[in-house]
Amino acid sequence: MARNSCYNPNIAQKTADAQISDHSKGYDHTKKSIISSITNVITVNPLLIDPSIGSDVILGECYALKLEKTKEGKDKPSYIIIKHPKEEPVSGVTISHIPSGLTPSFTSAPRHFTAACIYDVSVSSESKKLKKDERLIAEGNFDPEVLPQQTFEAQKFDIEGELKHLTCKFVRFEFVNNYGNEDQTCIYRLQVHSGNNDKYAEDNVKILKGYQK
C-alpha cells in the first residue's frame, strides 16, 4: 500500500555514502548526445543529493532506463541496485516522480515495481563459500496521479521467532512496466527507509520539515 513518504529515515542518500552499484541499460531521453546512448552514461542520480526532498527534482531530469526485449519478444524489466555502506533493516521504500499536473505526459513513470534485498548465503553448511540470494521485501504500483512521492512498507519476516524487517546492504528495484512509454522508464528519486538508524535522524527531520512547508 502506498502512503505519504513522511516515514523512517532515508538511508539511500549520497550524503550517507549510498551509491548505485548496478543498473540496466540507460536511455538518452534528451537526445543531446549519441555518445551517452552508446556508453549508457546516466548523469542524473536518483539518490537524494540534499535532504530537502523535492527541491532538486526538475522536469525531464530523470534517471532514464531503456526498455528492452527478451529473445522471446517480451518486455524485460528495468532495474537499479542501491548499495548502502553497511547492512540496515529496511522498513520501506519510496518512489518519486514529477506530479502529473506539471508534465504533459507521465507515460514514462514507473508502474508496477518490486524491491528485493540482496544478501550473501552459504552454499552449504560444510562450505565457507557464499552466493548471492534475493528476497522480495516490497511490491506495488506507483500512481503518478495520486502523490509525487509514494512510500511502500517493507514486509516483515520471522527471524528467530520474532517478526522483523530484513537487514541488507543491497536493495534491487525492478520496474516491471510503465504507463505506456515504449522507449524508457523515468526514475526521478528512490529512497530506502530504515527504522533502526540514529545516524540519519537529523536528515529525516529536515525531510519532514520540507513536506510541512
C-alpha atoms as a PDB file:
ATOM      1  CA  MET A   1       0.000   0.000   0.000  1.00  0.00           C
ATOM      2  CA  ALA A   2       1.367   3.425  -0.987  1.00  0.00           C
ATOM      3  CA  ARG A   3       1.419   6.230   1.530  1.00  0.00           C
ATOM      4  CA  ASN A   4       2.923   9.678   2.035  1.00  0.00           C
ATOM      5  CA  SER A   5       6.697   9.431   2.302  1.00  0.00           C
ATOM      6  CA  CYS A   6       6.950  11.117   5.729  1.00  0.00           C
ATOM      7  CA  TYR A   7       8.448   7.894   7.005  1.00  0.00           C
ATOM      8  CA  ASN A   8      11.559   6.468   8.666  1.00  0.00           C
ATOM      9  CA  PRO A   9      14.993   7.911   7.802  1.00  0.00           C
ATOM     10  CA  ASN A  10      16.113   7.616   4.204  1.00  0.00           C
ATOM     11  CA  ILE A  11      19.455   5.786   4.097  1.00  0.00           C
ATOM     12  CA  ALA A  12      19.729   5.861   0.283  1.00  0.00           C
ATOM     13  CA  GLN A  13      21.371   9.269   0.131  1.00  0.00           C
ATOM     14  CA  LYS A  14      24.668  10.264  -1.419  1.00  0.00           C
ATOM     15  CA  THR A  15      25.412  12.135   1.801  1.00  0.00           C
ATOM     16  CA  ALA A  16      25.080   8.794   3.617  1.00  0.00           C
ATOM     17  CA  ASP A  17      27.551   7.149   1.212  1.00  0.00           C
ATOM     18  CA  ALA A  18      24.861   5.192  -0.609  1.00  0.00           C
ATOM     19  CA  GLN A  19      25.523   4.593  -4.299  1.00  0.00           C
ATOM     20  CA  ILE A  20      24.178   2.981  -7.448  1.00  0.00           C
ATOM     21  CA  SER A  21      26.074  -0.290  -7.769  1.00  0.00           C
ATOM     22  CA  ASP A  22      24.384  -1.511 -10.952  1.00  0.00           C
ATOM     23  CA  HIS A  23      21.527  -0.681 -13.315  1.00  0.00           C
ATOM     24  CA  SER A  24      20.017  -1.827 -16.576  1.00  0.00           C
ATOM     25  CA  LYS A  25      20.868  -0.051 -19.831  1.00  0.00           C
ATOM     26  CA  GLY A  26      20.376   3.706 -19.821  1.00  0.00           C
ATOM     27  CA  TYR A  27      18.410   5.733 -22.369  1.00  0.00           C
ATOM     28  CA  ASP A  28      19.351   9.197 -23.636  1.00  0.00           C
ATOM     29  CA  HIS A  29      15.879  10.740 -23.386  1.00  0.00           C
ATOM     30  CA  THR A  30      17.283  14.241 -24.089  1.00  0.00           C
ATOM     31  CA  LYS A  31      18.639  13.151 -27.482  1.00  0.00           C
ATOM     32  CA  LYS A  32      21.532  15.535 -26.850  1.00  0.00           C
ATOM     33  CA  SER A  33      24.309  13.003 -27.124  1.00  0.00           C
ATOM     34  CA  ILE A  34      24.767   9.941 -29.306  1.00  0.00           C
ATOM     35  CA  ILE A  35      27.734   9.001 -27.127  1.00  0.00           C
ATOM     36  CA  SER A  36      25.612   8.807 -23.982  1.00  0.00           C
ATOM     37  CA  SER A  37      23.221   6.340 -25.602  1.00  0.00           C
ATOM     38  CA  ILE A  38      26.139   4.174 -26.676  1.00  0.00           C
ATOM     39  CA  THR A  39      28.102   4.222 -23.416  1.00  0.00           C
ATOM     40  CA  ASN A  40      24.971   4.094 -21.228  1.00  0.00           C
ATOM     41  CA  VAL A  41      26.214   7.008 -19.103  1.00  0.00           C
ATOM     42  CA  ILE A  42      23.477   8.334 -16.843  1.00  0.00           C
ATOM     43  CA  THR A  43      24.297  11.677 -15.267  1.00  0.00           C
ATOM     44  CA  VAL A  44      21.215  12.215 -13.090  1.00  0.00           C
ATOM     45  CA  ASN A  45      21.411  10.395  -9.773  1.00  0.00           C
ATOM     46  CA  PRO A  46      18.081   9.285  -8.217  1.00  0.00           C
ATOM     47  CA  LEU A  47      19.631   9.202  -4.746  1.00  0.00           C
ATOM     48  CA  LEU A  48      18.898  12.385  -2.863  1.00  0.00           C
ATOM     49  CA  ILE A  49      21.743  14.889  -3.016  1.00  0.00           C
ATOM     50  CA  ASP A  50      20.069  17.156  -0.490  1.00  0.00           C
ATOM     51  CA  PRO A  51      17.841  16.007   2.415  1.00  0.00           C
ATOM     52  CA  SER A  52      15.163  18.580   1.487  1.00  0.00           C
ATOM     53  CA  ILE A  53      13.328  16.200  -0.844  1.00  0.00           C
ATOM     54  CA  GLY A  54      11.737  17.677  -3.903  1.00  0.00           C
ATOM     55  CA  SER A  55      13.939  20.773  -4.102  1.00  0.00           C
ATOM     56  CA  ASP A  56      16.168  19.243  -6.768  1.00  0.00           C
ATOM     57  CA  VAL A  57      13.557  17.383  -8.831  1.00  0.00           C
ATOM     58  CA  ILE A  58      13.288  19.081 -12.224  1.00  0.00           C
ATOM     59  CA  LEU A  59      11.033  18.076 -15.106  1.00  0.00           C
ATOM     60  CA  GLY A  60      12.926  15.903 -17.570  1.00  0.00           C
ATOM     61  CA  GLU A  61      15.987  15.388 -15.377  1.00  0.00           C
ATOM     62  CA  CYS A  62      15.397  11.760 -14.541  1.00  0.00           C
ATOM     63  CA  TYR A  63      17.342   8.508 -14.391  1.00  0.00           C
ATOM     64  CA  ALA A  64      16.121   7.102 -17.716  1.00  0.00           C
ATOM     65  CA  LEU A  65      16.193   3.326 -18.136  1.00  0.00           C
ATOM     66  CA  LYS A  66      15.888   1.907 -21.633  1.00  0.00           C
ATOM     67  CA  LEU A  67      13.115  -0.587 -22.285  1.00  0.00           C
ATOM     68  CA  GLU A  68      14.481  -3.806 -23.735  1.00  0.00           C
ATOM     69  CA  LYS A  69      13.005  -7.014 -25.078  1.00  0.00           C
ATOM     70  CA  THR A  70      13.823 -10.613 -24.275  1.00  0.00           C
ATOM     71  CA  LYS A  71      14.690 -13.095 -27.028  1.00  0.00           C
ATOM     72  CA  GLU A  72      11.035 -14.114 -26.957  1.00  0.00           C
ATOM     73  CA  GLY A  73       9.952 -10.528 -27.630  1.00  0.00           C
ATOM     74  CA  LYS A  74       8.598  -9.834 -24.162  1.00  0.00           C
ATOM     75  CA  ASP A  75       9.360  -6.684 -22.174  1.00  0.00           C
ATOM     76  CA  LYS A  76      12.414  -7.038 -19.949  1.00  0.00           C
ATOM     77  CA  PRO A  77      12.118  -5.329 -16.527  1.00  0.00           C
ATOM     78  CA  SER A  78      14.497  -2.435 -15.872  1.00  0.00           C
ATOM     79  CA  TYR A  79      16.392  -2.310 -12.609  1.00  0.00           C
ATOM     80  CA  ILE A  80      18.535  -0.207 -10.271  1.00  0.00           C
ATOM     81  CA  ILE A  81      20.595  -1.655  -7.417  1.00  0.00           C
ATOM     82  CA  ILE A  82      21.419   0.589  -4.464  1.00  0.00           C
ATOM     83  CA  LYS A  83      24.376  -0.201  -2.232  1.00  0.00           C
ATOM     84  CA  HIS A  84      24.496   1.070   1.348  1.00  0.00           C
ATOM     85  CA  PRO A  85      27.740   1.416   3.326  1.00  0.00           C
ATOM     86  CA  LYS A  86      26.556  -1.225   5.784  1.00  0.00           C
ATOM     87  CA  GLU A  87      23.661  -3.609   6.370  1.00  0.00           C
ATOM     88  CA  GLU A  88      20.459  -1.951   7.561  1.00  0.00           C
ATOM     89  CA  PRO A  89      16.948  -3.224   8.385  1.00  0.00           C
ATOM     90  CA  VAL A  90      14.741  -1.981   5.539  1.00  0.00           C
ATOM     91  CA  SER A  91      11.308  -0.784   6.681  1.00  0.00           C
ATOM     92  CA  GLY A  92      10.077   0.709   3.418  1.00  0.00           C
ATOM     93  CA  VAL A  93      10.907   2.259   0.044  1.00  0.00           C
ATOM     94  CA  THR A  94       9.799   5.458  -1.678  1.00  0.00           C
ATOM     95  CA  ILE A  95       9.493   6.240  -5.385  1.00  0.00           C
ATOM     96  CA  SER A  96       9.161   9.822  -6.638  1.00  0.00           C
ATOM     97  CA  HIS A  97       8.066  11.325  -9.928  1.00  0.00           C
ATOM     98  CA  ILE A  98       7.125  14.751 -11.265  1.00  0.00           C
ATOM     99  CA  PRO A  99       3.451  15.475 -10.343  1.00  0.00           C
ATOM    100  CA  SER A 100       1.104  14.647 -13.223  1.00  0.00           C
ATOM    101  CA  GLY A 101      -0.139  18.255 -13.282  1.00  0.00           C
ATOM    102  CA  LEU A 102       3.350  19.564 -14.063  1.00  0.00           C
ATOM    103  CA  THR A 103       4.120  17.324 -17.021  1.00  0.00           C
ATOM    104  CA  PRO A 104       2.295  16.968 -20.375  1.00  0.00           C
ATOM    105  CA  SER A 105       2.705  13.193 -20.164  1.00  0.00           C
ATOM    106  CA  PHE A 106       3.568  10.663 -17.475  1.00  0.00           C
ATOM    107  CA  THR A 107       3.726   7.591 -19.720  1.00  0.00           C
ATOM    108  CA  SER A 108       7.366   7.038 -18.697  1.00  0.00           C
ATOM    109  CA  ALA A 109       6.527   6.933 -14.978  1.00  0.00           C
ATOM    110  CA  PRO A 110       7.142   3.537 -13.342  1.00  0.00           C
ATOM    111  CA  ARG A 111       4.040   1.468 -12.706  1.00  0.00           C
ATOM    112  CA  HIS A 112       4.433  -1.984 -11.171  1.00  0.00           C
ATOM    113  CA  PHE A 113       7.690  -2.460  -9.285  1.00  0.00           C
ATOM    114  CA  THR A 114       9.388  -4.790  -6.818  1.00  0.00           C
ATOM    115  CA  ALA A 115      12.136  -4.201  -4.274  1.00  0.00           C
ATOM    116  CA  ALA A 116      14.336  -7.061  -3.155  1.00  0.00           C
ATOM    117  CA  CYS A 117      17.056  -7.474  -0.558  1.00  0.00           C
ATOM    118  CA  ILE A 118      20.292  -8.960  -1.923  1.00  0.00           C
ATOM    119  CA  TYR A 119      22.439 -10.770   0.611  1.00  0.00           C
ATOM    120  CA  ASP A 120      25.079 -13.480   0.920  1.00  0.00           C
ATOM    121  CA  VAL A 121      24.155 -17.026   1.947  1.00  0.00           C
ATOM    122  CA  SER A 122      26.300 -20.088   2.470  1.00  0.00           C
ATOM    123  CA  VAL A 123      26.463 -22.561  -0.386  1.00  0.00           C
ATOM    124  CA  SER A 124      26.218 -25.363   2.173  1.00  0.00           C
ATOM    125  CA  SER A 125      26.630 -25.949   5.893  1.00  0.00           C
ATOM    126  CA  GLU A 126      30.023 -27.503   5.244  1.00  0.00           C
ATOM    127  CA  SER A 127      31.337 -24.769   2.969  1.00  0.00           C
ATOM    128  CA  LYS A 128      32.579 -21.236   3.616  1.00  0.00           C
ATOM    129  CA  LYS A 129      31.687 -20.205   0.079  1.00  0.00           C
ATOM    130  CA  LEU A 130      28.909 -17.649  -0.305  1.00  0.00           C
ATOM    131  CA  LYS A 131      26.426 -16.960  -3.062  1.00  0.00           C
ATOM    132  CA  LYS A 132      24.072 -14.065  -3.756  1.00  0.00           C
ATOM    133  CA  ASP A 133      20.420 -14.519  -2.968  1.00  0.00           C
ATOM    134  CA  GLU A 134      17.398 -12.236  -3.249  1.00  0.00           C
ATOM    135  CA  ARG A 135      14.257 -11.925  -1.174  1.00  0.00           C
ATOM    136  CA  LEU A 136      11.272  -9.762  -2.080  1.00  0.00           C
ATOM    137  CA  ILE A 137      10.663  -7.098   0.577  1.00  0.00           C
ATOM    138  CA  ALA A 138       8.225  -4.706  -1.142  1.00  0.00           C
ATOM    139  CA  GLU A 139       5.966  -4.646  -4.188  1.00  0.00           C
ATOM    140  CA  GLY A 140       3.323  -2.301  -5.520  1.00  0.00           C
ATOM    141  CA  ASN A 141       2.032   0.074  -8.157  1.00  0.00           C
ATOM    142  CA  PHE A 142       3.193   3.675  -8.343  1.00  0.00           C
ATOM    143  CA  ASP A 143       0.385   6.052  -9.388  1.00  0.00           C
ATOM    144  CA  PRO A 144       1.672   9.469 -10.565  1.00  0.00           C
ATOM    145  CA  GLU A 145      -1.824  10.954 -10.320  1.00  0.00           C
ATOM    146  CA  VAL A 146      -2.040  10.330  -6.562  1.00  0.00           C
ATOM    147  CA  LEU A 147       1.143  11.717  -4.952  1.00  0.00           C
ATOM    148  CA  PRO A 148       4.556  12.675  -6.383  1.00  0.00           C
ATOM    149  CA  GLN A 149       6.253  10.686  -3.576  1.00  0.00           C
ATOM    150  CA  GLN A 150       4.783   7.331  -2.559  1.00  0.00           C
ATOM    151  CA  THR A 151       6.131   5.038   0.152  1.00  0.00           C
ATOM    152  CA  PHE A 152       5.576   1.287   0.280  1.00  0.00           C
ATOM    153  CA  GLU A 153       6.069  -0.588   3.524  1.00  0.00           C
ATOM    154  CA  ALA A 154       8.505  -3.491   3.534  1.00  0.00           C
ATOM    155  CA  GLN A 155       7.221  -6.827   4.748  1.00  0.00           C
ATOM    156  CA  LYS A 156       8.493  -8.424   7.916  1.00  0.00           C
ATOM    157  CA  PHE A 157       9.894 -11.928   8.274  1.00  0.00           C
ATOM    158  CA  ASP A 158      10.005 -14.455  11.084  1.00  0.00           C
ATOM    159  CA  ILE A 159      13.546 -14.114  12.432  1.00  0.00           C
ATOM    160  CA  GLU A 160      14.226 -16.298  15.458  1.00  0.00           C
ATOM    161  CA  GLY A 161      10.563 -16.301  16.418  1.00  0.00           C
ATOM    162  CA  GLU A 162      10.064 -12.534  16.024  1.00  0.00           C
ATOM    163  CA  LEU A 163       8.694 -10.562  13.071  1.00  0.00           C
ATOM    164  CA  LYS A 164      11.394  -8.188  11.867  1.00  0.00           C
ATOM    165  CA  HIS A 165      12.364  -6.248   8.769  1.00  0.00           C
ATOM    166  CA  LEU A 166      15.045  -7.926   6.700  1.00  0.00           C
ATOM    167  CA  THR A 167      18.554  -6.494   7.027  1.00  0.00           C
ATOM    168  CA  CYS A 168      20.547  -5.988   3.849  1.00  0.00           C
ATOM    169  CA  LYS A 169      23.278  -3.923   2.224  1.00  0.00           C
ATOM    170  CA  PHE A 170      21.974  -4.066  -1.351  1.00  0.00           C
ATOM    171  CA  VAL A 171      18.410  -3.263  -2.477  1.00  0.00           C
ATOM    172  CA  ARG A 172      17.356  -4.066  -6.024  1.00  0.00           C
ATOM    173  CA  PHE A 173      14.478  -2.053  -7.522  1.00  0.00           C
ATOM    174  CA  GLU A 174      12.910  -3.745 -10.528  1.00  0.00           C
ATOM    175  CA  PHE A 175      10.490  -1.786 -12.709  1.00  0.00           C
ATOM    176  CA  VAL A 176       8.228  -4.266 -14.464  1.00  0.00           C
ATOM    177  CA  ASN A 177       6.355  -1.757 -16.637  1.00  0.00           C
ATOM    178  CA  ASN A 178       5.363   1.882 -17.015  1.00  0.00           C
ATOM    179  CA  TYR A 179       2.338   3.854 -18.214  1.00  0.00           C
ATOM    180  CA  GLY A 180       2.774   3.222 -21.933  1.00  0.00           C
ATOM    181  CA  ASN A 181       6.132   4.665 -22.967  1.00  0.00           C
ATOM    182  CA  GLU A 182       7.830   2.224 -25.350  1.00  0.00           C
ATOM    183  CA  ASP A 183      11.334   3.676 -25.026  1.00  0.00           C
ATOM    184  CA  GLN A 184      12.095   4.360 -21.360  1.00  0.00           C
ATOM    185  CA  THR A 185      11.068   4.297 -17.729  1.00  0.00           C
ATOM    186  CA  CYS A 186      11.943   7.541 -15.959  1.00  0.00           C
ATOM    187  CA  ILE A 187      13.098   7.358 -12.321  1.00  0.00           C
ATOM    188  CA  TYR A 188      13.352  10.695 -10.517  1.00  0.00           C
ATOM    189  CA  ARG A 189      14.030   9.694  -6.920  1.00  0.00           C
ATOM    190  CA  LEU A 190      14.421   6.491  -4.910  1.00  0.00           C
ATOM    191  CA  GLN A 191      14.548   6.192  -1.141  1.00  0.00           C
ATOM    192  CA  VAL A 192      15.219   3.273   1.166  1.00  0.00           C
ATOM    193  CA  HIS A 193      13.995   3.662   4.735  1.00  0.00           C
ATOM    194  CA  SER A 194      15.353   2.146   7.912  1.00  0.00           C
ATOM    195  CA  GLY A 195      13.632   2.422  11.271  1.00  0.00           C
ATOM    196  CA  ASN A 196      16.753   1.456  13.172  1.00  0.00           C
ATOM    197  CA  ASN A 197      19.308   4.073  12.234  1.00  0.00           C
ATOM    198  CA  ASP A 198      20.022   7.041  14.504  1.00  0.00           C
ATOM    199  CA  LYS A 199      22.764   8.325  12.195  1.00  0.00           C
ATOM    200  CA  TYR A 200      20.226   9.736   9.735  1.00  0.00           C
ATOM    201  CA  ALA A 201      17.693  11.059  12.258  1.00  0.00           C
ATOM    202  CA  GLU A 202      18.774  14.667  11.668  1.00  0.00           C
ATOM    203  CA  ASP A 203      18.352  14.343   7.902  1.00  0.00           C
ATOM    204  CA  ASN A 204      14.925  12.803   8.429  1.00  0.00           C
ATOM    205  CA  VAL A 205      13.825  15.830  10.456  1.00  0.00           C
ATOM    206  CA  LYS A 206      14.864  18.068   7.558  1.00  0.00           C
ATOM    207  CA  ILE A 207      12.856  15.896   5.152  1.00  0.00           C
ATOM    208  CA  LEU A 208       9.731  16.160   7.311  1.00  0.00           C
ATOM    209  CA  LYS A 209      10.144  19.936   7.608  1.00  0.00           C
ATOM    210  CA  GLY A 210      10.399  20.128   3.839  1.00  0.00           C
ATOM    211  CA  TYR A 211       6.986  18.500   3.479  1.00  0.00           C
ATOM    212  CA  GLN A 212       5.409  20.795   6.065  1.00  0.00           C
ATOM    213  CA  LYS A 213       6.319  23.976   4.181  1.00  0.00           C
END
